[in-house]
Amino acid sequence: MPPFIHQSRVPMHATDAAGIVHFANYFRFMEEAELYALNARGFRPDNYAYPRVHVEADYRAPLRFWDAYSVAAELLSIGNSTLNWQFTITGPQGVCAVLRSTSARRSADLSTPAPYTAEERARLSDLLSDTPKTALNPQK
């Protein structure tokens, strides 16, 4: 399926003194796209906790203050209580960063895993990527 696309502009607070996005803010852009993708499928962010258990990033080009950018959110796989994502952030220069994230859904108090039901898996299935992905390669 095509990825969920979230579009925005780089706010001033996401940049350094030179007007370039600080690397850690790409993860904020990623999380915002994830939130909107899940919300569009009926998942409320306050019913569960979604701690990150793994993240990685490949930075390719800078984003600058007020650049328009888009985040393509693709679900790579659905585990028992985990979601494995790939986020491709594109700006005026093309692909700026590719990030991967695994979140482990937990009860709101973090005490126990919160497995996805069959109905929830069905709602998430249209986010599943058609193309298998391999590990990030900074050389590409």
N, C-alpha and C. Protein backbone atom coordinates (compact mmCIF):
# COMPACT_ATOMS: atom_id res chain seq x y z
N MET A 1 0.84 -1.18 0.00
CA MET A 1 0.00 0.00 0.00
C MET A 1 0.89 1.24 0.00
N PRO A 2 0.37 2.35 -0.48
CA PRO A 2 1.15 3.59 -0.40
C PRO A 2 1.30 4.01 1.06
N PRO A 3 2.40 4.69 1.38
CA PRO A 3 2.60 5.12 2.76
C PRO A 3 1.64 6.25 3.15
N PHE A 4 1.46 6.42 4.44
CA PHE A 4 0.73 7.57 4.96
C PHE A 4 1.65 8.78 4.83
N ILE A 5 1.15 9.87 4.28
CA ILE A 5 1.97 11.07 4.07
C ILE A 5 1.51 12.18 5.01
N HIS A 6 2.46 12.71 5.76
CA HIS A 6 2.21 13.85 6.64
C HIS A 6 3.07 15.01 6.13
N GLN A 7 2.47 16.18 5.96
CA GLN A 7 3.20 17.34 5.45
C GLN A 7 3.21 18.46 6.47
N SER A 8 4.32 19.20 6.50
CA SER A 8 4.45 20.31 7.43
C SER A 8 5.55 21.25 6.94
N ARG A 9 5.89 22.22 7.78
CA ARG A 9 7.01 23.14 7.53
C ARG A 9 7.92 23.12 8.74
N VAL A 10 9.19 23.37 8.51
CA VAL A 10 10.17 23.38 9.59
C VAL A 10 9.97 24.63 10.44
N PRO A 11 9.65 24.46 11.73
CA PRO A 11 9.50 25.63 12.60
C PRO A 11 10.88 26.15 13.05
N MET A 12 10.93 27.39 13.44
CA MET A 12 12.19 27.99 13.86
C MET A 12 12.81 27.24 15.04
N HIS A 13 11.98 26.81 15.99
CA HIS A 13 12.53 26.15 17.18
C HIS A 13 13.19 24.80 16.88
N ALA A 14 13.01 24.26 15.67
CA ALA A 14 13.64 22.99 15.30
C ALA A 14 15.03 23.19 14.69
N THR A 15 15.46 24.45 14.55
CA THR A 15 16.72 24.72 13.86
C THR A 15 17.78 25.26 14.82
N ASP A 16 19.03 25.21 14.35
CA ASP A 16 20.14 25.79 15.10
C ASP A 16 20.34 27.24 14.65
N ALA A 17 21.41 27.87 15.10
CA ALA A 17 21.67 29.28 14.79
C ALA A 17 21.85 29.52 13.29
N ALA A 18 22.25 28.50 12.55
CA ALA A 18 22.43 28.63 11.11
C ALA A 18 21.14 28.36 10.33
N GLY A 19 20.06 28.06 11.06
CA GLY A 19 18.78 27.80 10.41
C GLY A 19 18.63 26.39 9.87
N ILE A 20 19.51 25.47 10.29
CA ILE A 20 19.47 24.07 9.84
C ILE A 20 18.84 23.21 10.94
N VAL A 21 18.00 22.27 10.54
CA VAL A 21 17.33 21.40 11.51
C VAL A 21 18.37 20.58 12.27
N HIS A 22 18.27 20.61 13.60
CA HIS A 22 19.12 19.78 14.45
C HIS A 22 18.70 18.33 14.26
N PHE A 23 19.68 17.41 14.22
CA PHE A 23 19.40 16.02 13.87
C PHE A 23 18.31 15.39 14.74
N ALA A 24 18.26 15.70 16.01
CA ALA A 24 17.29 15.07 16.90
C ALA A 24 15.85 15.44 16.54
N ASN A 25 15.65 16.57 15.88
CA ASN A 25 14.30 16.99 15.53
C ASN A 25 13.68 16.15 14.43
N TYR A 26 14.50 15.43 13.67
CA TYR A 26 13.93 14.51 12.68
C TYR A 26 13.09 13.44 13.39
N PHE A 27 13.50 13.07 14.61
CA PHE A 27 12.71 12.10 15.37
C PHE A 27 11.37 12.69 15.81
N ARG A 28 11.34 13.98 16.07
CA ARG A 28 10.06 14.64 16.38
C ARG A 28 9.15 14.63 15.16
N PHE A 29 9.72 14.91 13.99
CA PHE A 29 8.93 14.87 12.76
C PHE A 29 8.38 13.46 12.54
N MET A 30 9.21 12.46 12.80
CA MET A 30 8.83 11.05 12.67
C MET A 30 7.65 10.74 13.60
N GLU A 31 7.77 11.14 14.87
CA GLU A 31 6.72 10.83 15.83
C GLU A 31 5.41 11.53 15.50
N GLU A 32 5.50 12.74 14.98
CA GLU A 32 4.28 13.44 14.59
C GLU A 32 3.57 12.70 13.46
N ALA A 33 4.33 12.25 12.46
CA ALA A 33 3.73 11.50 11.35
C ALA A 33 3.12 10.19 11.85
N GLU A 34 3.81 9.53 12.76
CA GLU A 34 3.28 8.28 13.33
C GLU A 34 1.97 8.54 14.06
N LEU A 35 1.92 9.58 14.84
CA LEU A 35 0.70 9.93 15.59
C LEU A 35 -0.47 10.15 14.64
N TYR A 36 -0.25 10.92 13.57
CA TYR A 36 -1.32 11.19 12.62
C TYR A 36 -1.73 9.93 11.86
N ALA A 37 -0.77 9.08 11.52
CA ALA A 37 -1.09 7.83 10.83
C ALA A 37 -1.94 6.93 11.71
N LEU A 38 -1.57 6.80 12.98
CA LEU A 38 -2.34 5.96 13.90
C LEU A 38 -3.72 6.58 14.17
N ASN A 39 -3.75 7.88 14.36
CA ASN A 39 -5.02 8.55 14.63
C ASN A 39 -5.99 8.39 13.46
N ALA A 40 -5.48 8.43 12.24
CA ALA A 40 -6.33 8.27 11.05
C ALA A 40 -6.95 6.88 10.99
N ARG A 41 -6.39 5.94 11.75
CA ARG A 41 -6.92 4.58 11.79
C ARG A 41 -7.65 4.29 13.11
N GLY A 42 -7.97 5.35 13.85
CA GLY A 42 -8.78 5.20 15.04
C GLY A 42 -8.03 4.89 16.32
N PHE A 43 -6.72 5.01 16.31
CA PHE A 43 -5.95 4.76 17.53
C PHE A 43 -5.76 6.07 18.27
N ARG A 44 -6.18 6.09 19.53
CA ARG A 44 -6.00 7.28 20.37
C ARG A 44 -4.67 7.16 21.10
N PRO A 45 -3.88 8.21 21.08
CA PRO A 45 -2.54 8.12 21.69
C PRO A 45 -2.55 8.06 23.21
N ASP A 46 -3.68 8.35 23.84
CA ASP A 46 -3.70 8.38 25.30
C ASP A 46 -4.21 7.09 25.93
N ASN A 47 -4.59 6.10 25.14
CA ASN A 47 -5.09 4.85 25.70
C ASN A 47 -3.96 3.89 26.10
N TYR A 48 -2.81 4.02 25.47
CA TYR A 48 -1.67 3.14 25.72
C TYR A 48 -0.39 3.96 25.73
N ALA A 49 0.68 3.34 26.17
CA ALA A 49 2.01 3.92 26.03
C ALA A 49 2.69 3.22 24.86
N TYR A 50 3.51 3.95 24.13
CA TYR A 50 4.21 3.40 22.96
C TYR A 50 5.71 3.68 23.08
N PRO A 51 6.38 3.11 24.09
CA PRO A 51 7.81 3.40 24.22
C PRO A 51 8.60 2.87 23.03
N ARG A 52 9.62 3.61 22.65
CA ARG A 52 10.52 3.19 21.58
C ARG A 52 11.50 2.16 22.15
N VAL A 53 11.67 1.08 21.42
CA VAL A 53 12.67 0.09 21.84
C VAL A 53 13.84 0.04 20.86
N HIS A 54 13.68 0.71 19.72
CA HIS A 54 14.78 0.79 18.75
C HIS A 54 14.52 1.96 17.81
N VAL A 55 15.56 2.72 17.49
CA VAL A 55 15.51 3.74 16.46
C VAL A 55 16.84 3.78 15.72
N GLU A 56 16.79 4.17 14.47
CA GLU A 56 18.01 4.39 13.69
C GLU A 56 17.69 5.43 12.61
N ALA A 57 18.72 6.10 12.14
CA ALA A 57 18.50 7.15 11.15
C ALA A 57 19.66 7.21 10.18
N ASP A 58 19.33 7.58 8.96
CA ASP A 58 20.30 7.83 7.89
C ASP A 58 20.00 9.23 7.38
N TYR A 59 20.92 10.16 7.64
CA TYR A 59 20.74 11.55 7.22
C TYR A 59 21.38 11.77 5.86
N ARG A 60 20.64 12.42 4.95
CA ARG A 60 21.13 12.57 3.58
C ARG A 60 21.25 14.01 3.11
N ALA A 61 20.37 14.89 3.58
CA ALA A 61 20.40 16.30 3.16
C ALA A 61 19.76 17.14 4.26
N PRO A 62 20.20 18.38 4.42
CA PRO A 62 19.63 19.20 5.49
C PRO A 62 18.26 19.76 5.15
N LEU A 63 17.49 19.97 6.18
CA LEU A 63 16.28 20.78 6.09
C LEU A 63 16.59 22.09 6.79
N ARG A 64 15.97 23.16 6.32
CA ARG A 64 16.21 24.49 6.88
C ARG A 64 14.90 25.12 7.33
N PHE A 65 15.03 26.19 8.11
CA PHE A 65 13.86 26.89 8.61
C PHE A 65 12.88 27.19 7.48
N TRP A 66 11.64 26.86 7.70
CA TRP A 66 10.48 27.08 6.86
C TRP A 66 10.43 26.23 5.60
N ASP A 67 11.35 25.30 5.44
CA ASP A 67 11.23 24.35 4.32
C ASP A 67 9.94 23.54 4.49
N ALA A 68 9.25 23.34 3.39
CA ALA A 68 8.14 22.39 3.39
C ALA A 68 8.75 21.00 3.33
N TYR A 69 8.20 20.09 4.11
CA TYR A 69 8.70 18.71 4.08
C TYR A 69 7.52 17.75 4.20
N SER A 70 7.76 16.53 3.78
CA SER A 70 6.75 15.48 3.96
C SER A 70 7.41 14.28 4.61
N VAL A 71 6.62 13.56 5.36
CA VAL A 71 7.08 12.33 6.01
C VAL A 71 6.19 11.20 5.50
N ALA A 72 6.81 10.23 4.83
CA ALA A 72 6.09 9.04 4.38
C ALA A 72 6.26 7.97 5.46
N ALA A 73 5.16 7.59 6.10
CA ALA A 73 5.18 6.60 7.17
C ALA A 73 4.73 5.26 6.62
N GLU A 74 5.64 4.28 6.66
CA GLU A 74 5.34 2.93 6.19
C GLU A 74 5.51 1.96 7.33
N LEU A 75 4.53 1.14 7.53
CA LEU A 75 4.61 0.10 8.54
C LEU A 75 5.30 -1.11 7.90
N LEU A 76 6.44 -1.50 8.46
CA LEU A 76 7.19 -2.64 7.91
C LEU A 76 6.63 -3.96 8.41
N SER A 77 6.23 -4.00 9.69
CA SER A 77 5.64 -5.23 10.24
C SER A 77 4.89 -4.92 11.51
N ILE A 78 3.95 -5.81 11.82
CA ILE A 78 3.17 -5.73 13.05
C ILE A 78 3.51 -6.96 13.86
N GLY A 79 4.07 -6.77 15.04
CA GLY A 79 4.35 -7.88 15.95
C GLY A 79 3.18 -8.07 16.90
N ASN A 80 3.37 -8.88 17.91
CA ASN A 80 2.33 -9.11 18.90
C ASN A 80 1.89 -7.80 19.54
N SER A 81 2.86 -7.02 20.02
CA SER A 81 2.55 -5.71 20.61
C SER A 81 3.54 -4.66 20.11
N THR A 82 4.18 -4.92 18.98
CA THR A 82 5.15 -3.98 18.42
C THR A 82 4.76 -3.55 17.02
N LEU A 83 5.22 -2.35 16.67
CA LEU A 83 5.10 -1.84 15.31
C LEU A 83 6.49 -1.46 14.84
N ASN A 84 6.86 -1.92 13.67
CA ASN A 84 8.14 -1.59 13.05
C ASN A 84 7.87 -0.68 11.86
N TRP A 85 8.42 0.53 11.93
CA TRP A 85 8.13 1.58 10.95
C TRP A 85 9.37 1.98 10.17
N GLN A 86 9.12 2.54 8.99
CA GLN A 86 10.14 3.32 8.27
C GLN A 86 9.50 4.65 7.90
N PHE A 87 10.25 5.72 8.13
CA PHE A 87 9.80 7.08 7.83
C PHE A 87 10.80 7.71 6.88
N THR A 88 10.33 8.16 5.73
CA THR A 88 11.18 8.84 4.76
C THR A 88 10.78 10.31 4.76
N ILE A 89 11.73 11.16 5.14
CA ILE A 89 11.48 12.60 5.21
C ILE A 89 12.05 13.24 3.96
N THR A 90 11.20 13.93 3.22
CA THR A 90 11.59 14.55 1.96
C THR A 90 11.37 16.05 2.04
N GLY A 91 12.34 16.80 1.55
CA GLY A 91 12.26 18.26 1.52
C GLY A 91 12.59 18.78 0.14
N PRO A 92 12.91 20.06 0.02
CA PRO A 92 13.19 20.67 -1.28
C PRO A 92 14.34 20.01 -2.04
N GLN A 93 15.29 19.40 -1.32
CA GLN A 93 16.44 18.78 -1.97
C GLN A 93 16.23 17.29 -2.22
N GLY A 94 15.06 16.77 -1.96
CA GLY A 94 14.80 15.34 -2.10
C GLY A 94 14.79 14.68 -0.72
N VAL A 95 15.19 13.42 -0.69
CA VAL A 95 15.17 12.69 0.58
C VAL A 95 16.21 13.28 1.52
N CYS A 96 15.74 13.69 2.69
CA CYS A 96 16.61 14.31 3.71
C CYS A 96 17.03 13.30 4.77
N ALA A 97 16.16 12.37 5.09
CA ALA A 97 16.47 11.38 6.13
C ALA A 97 15.53 10.19 5.99
N VAL A 98 16.05 9.03 6.36
CA VAL A 98 15.26 7.82 6.46
C VAL A 98 15.45 7.31 7.88
N LEU A 99 14.34 7.16 8.60
CA LEU A 99 14.40 6.72 9.99
C LEU A 99 13.60 5.44 10.14
N ARG A 100 14.05 4.61 11.07
CA ARG A 100 13.32 3.41 11.42
C ARG A 100 13.07 3.41 12.91
N SER A 101 11.93 2.86 13.27
CA SER A 101 11.55 2.87 14.68
C SER A 101 10.74 1.62 15.00
N THR A 102 10.97 1.09 16.18
CA THR A 102 10.13 0.03 16.72
C THR A 102 9.56 0.52 18.03
N SER A 103 8.23 0.48 18.13
CA SER A 103 7.57 0.83 19.38
C SER A 103 6.90 -0.41 19.93
N ALA A 104 6.87 -0.51 21.25
CA ALA A 104 6.28 -1.65 21.94
C ALA A 104 5.09 -1.15 22.73
N ARG A 105 3.89 -1.45 22.27
CA ARG A 105 2.69 -0.95 22.95
C ARG A 105 2.55 -1.60 24.32
N ARG A 106 2.33 -0.74 25.31
CA ARG A 106 2.20 -1.18 26.69
C ARG A 106 0.91 -0.61 27.28
N SER A 107 0.48 -1.19 28.38
CA SER A 107 -0.64 -0.62 29.12
C SER A 107 -0.26 0.80 29.52
N ALA A 108 -1.25 1.62 29.79
CA ALA A 108 -0.99 3.03 30.10
C ALA A 108 -0.03 3.20 31.27
N ASP A 109 -0.03 2.27 32.22
CA ASP A 109 0.89 2.38 33.36
C ASP A 109 2.24 1.69 33.09
N LEU A 110 2.45 1.22 31.86
CA LEU A 110 3.68 0.56 31.40
C LEU A 110 3.93 -0.80 32.03
N SER A 111 2.97 -1.34 32.78
CA SER A 111 3.22 -2.57 33.52
C SER A 111 3.18 -3.84 32.66
N THR A 112 2.41 -3.83 31.57
CA THR A 112 2.28 -5.05 30.78
C THR A 112 2.20 -4.71 29.29
N PRO A 113 2.64 -5.67 28.44
CA PRO A 113 2.46 -5.48 27.00
C PRO A 113 0.97 -5.40 26.67
N ALA A 114 0.64 -4.69 25.60
CA ALA A 114 -0.75 -4.56 25.16
C ALA A 114 -0.84 -5.05 23.71
N PRO A 115 -1.06 -6.36 23.53
CA PRO A 115 -1.10 -6.92 22.17
C PRO A 115 -2.19 -6.29 21.31
N TYR A 116 -1.92 -6.26 20.01
CA TYR A 116 -2.90 -5.77 19.04
C TYR A 116 -3.92 -6.86 18.77
N THR A 117 -5.19 -6.47 18.72
CA THR A 117 -6.25 -7.42 18.41
C THR A 117 -6.32 -7.65 16.90
N ALA A 118 -7.07 -8.64 16.49
CA ALA A 118 -7.25 -8.90 15.06
C ALA A 118 -7.89 -7.70 14.37
N GLU A 119 -8.84 -7.08 15.05
CA GLU A 119 -9.51 -5.90 14.47
C GLU A 119 -8.52 -4.74 14.33
N GLU A 120 -7.66 -4.54 15.31
CA GLU A 120 -6.66 -3.47 15.23
C GLU A 120 -5.64 -3.76 14.13
N ARG A 121 -5.25 -5.01 13.99
CA ARG A 121 -4.32 -5.40 12.92
C ARG A 121 -4.93 -5.10 11.55
N ALA A 122 -6.23 -5.34 11.41
CA ALA A 122 -6.91 -5.06 10.15
C ALA A 122 -6.87 -3.56 9.85
N ARG A 123 -7.09 -2.72 10.88
CA ARG A 123 -7.04 -1.27 10.68
C ARG A 123 -5.64 -0.80 10.31
N LEU A 124 -4.63 -1.47 10.80
CA LEU A 124 -3.24 -1.09 10.51
C LEU A 124 -2.74 -1.64 9.18
N SER A 125 -3.40 -2.65 8.65
CA SER A 125 -2.86 -3.38 7.50
C SER A 125 -2.66 -2.51 6.26
N ASP A 126 -3.44 -1.45 6.08
CA ASP A 126 -3.25 -0.62 4.89
C ASP A 126 -1.98 0.22 4.98
N LEU A 127 -1.36 0.28 6.16
CA LEU A 127 -0.08 0.98 6.29
C LEU A 127 1.11 0.08 5.98
N LEU A 128 0.86 -1.23 5.88
CA LEU A 128 1.97 -2.16 5.64
C LEU A 128 2.59 -1.91 4.27
N SER A 129 3.90 -1.86 4.26
CA SER A 129 4.65 -1.61 3.04
C SER A 129 4.56 -2.80 2.11
N ASP A 130 4.45 -2.53 0.81
CA ASP A 130 4.47 -3.58 -0.20
C ASP A 130 5.89 -4.05 -0.50
N THR A 131 6.86 -3.20 -0.20
CA THR A 131 8.24 -3.47 -0.57
C THR A 131 9.05 -3.83 0.66
N PRO A 132 9.69 -5.01 0.67
CA PRO A 132 10.53 -5.33 1.82
C PRO A 132 11.71 -4.37 1.89
N LYS A 133 12.06 -3.97 3.10
CA LYS A 133 13.17 -3.03 3.31
C LYS A 133 14.35 -3.78 3.92
N THR A 134 15.53 -3.31 3.58
CA THR A 134 16.74 -3.85 4.19
C THR A 134 17.30 -2.83 5.15
N ALA A 135 18.34 -3.19 5.87
CA ALA A 135 18.94 -2.27 6.83
C ALA A 135 19.37 -0.99 6.15
N LEU A 136 19.37 0.07 6.89
CA LEU A 136 19.79 1.36 6.35
C LEU A 136 21.23 1.31 5.89
N ASN A 137 21.51 2.00 4.81
CA ASN A 137 22.85 2.05 4.28
C ASN A 137 23.24 3.50 4.08
N PRO A 138 24.12 4.05 4.95
CA PRO A 138 24.49 5.46 4.83
C PRO A 138 25.21 5.79 3.52
N GLN A 139 25.67 4.77 2.80
CA GLN A 139 26.41 5.01 1.56
C GLN A 139 25.47 5.34 0.40
N LYS A 140 24.19 5.06 0.55
CA LYS A 140 23.24 5.29 -0.55
C LYS A 140 22.63 6.66 -0.46
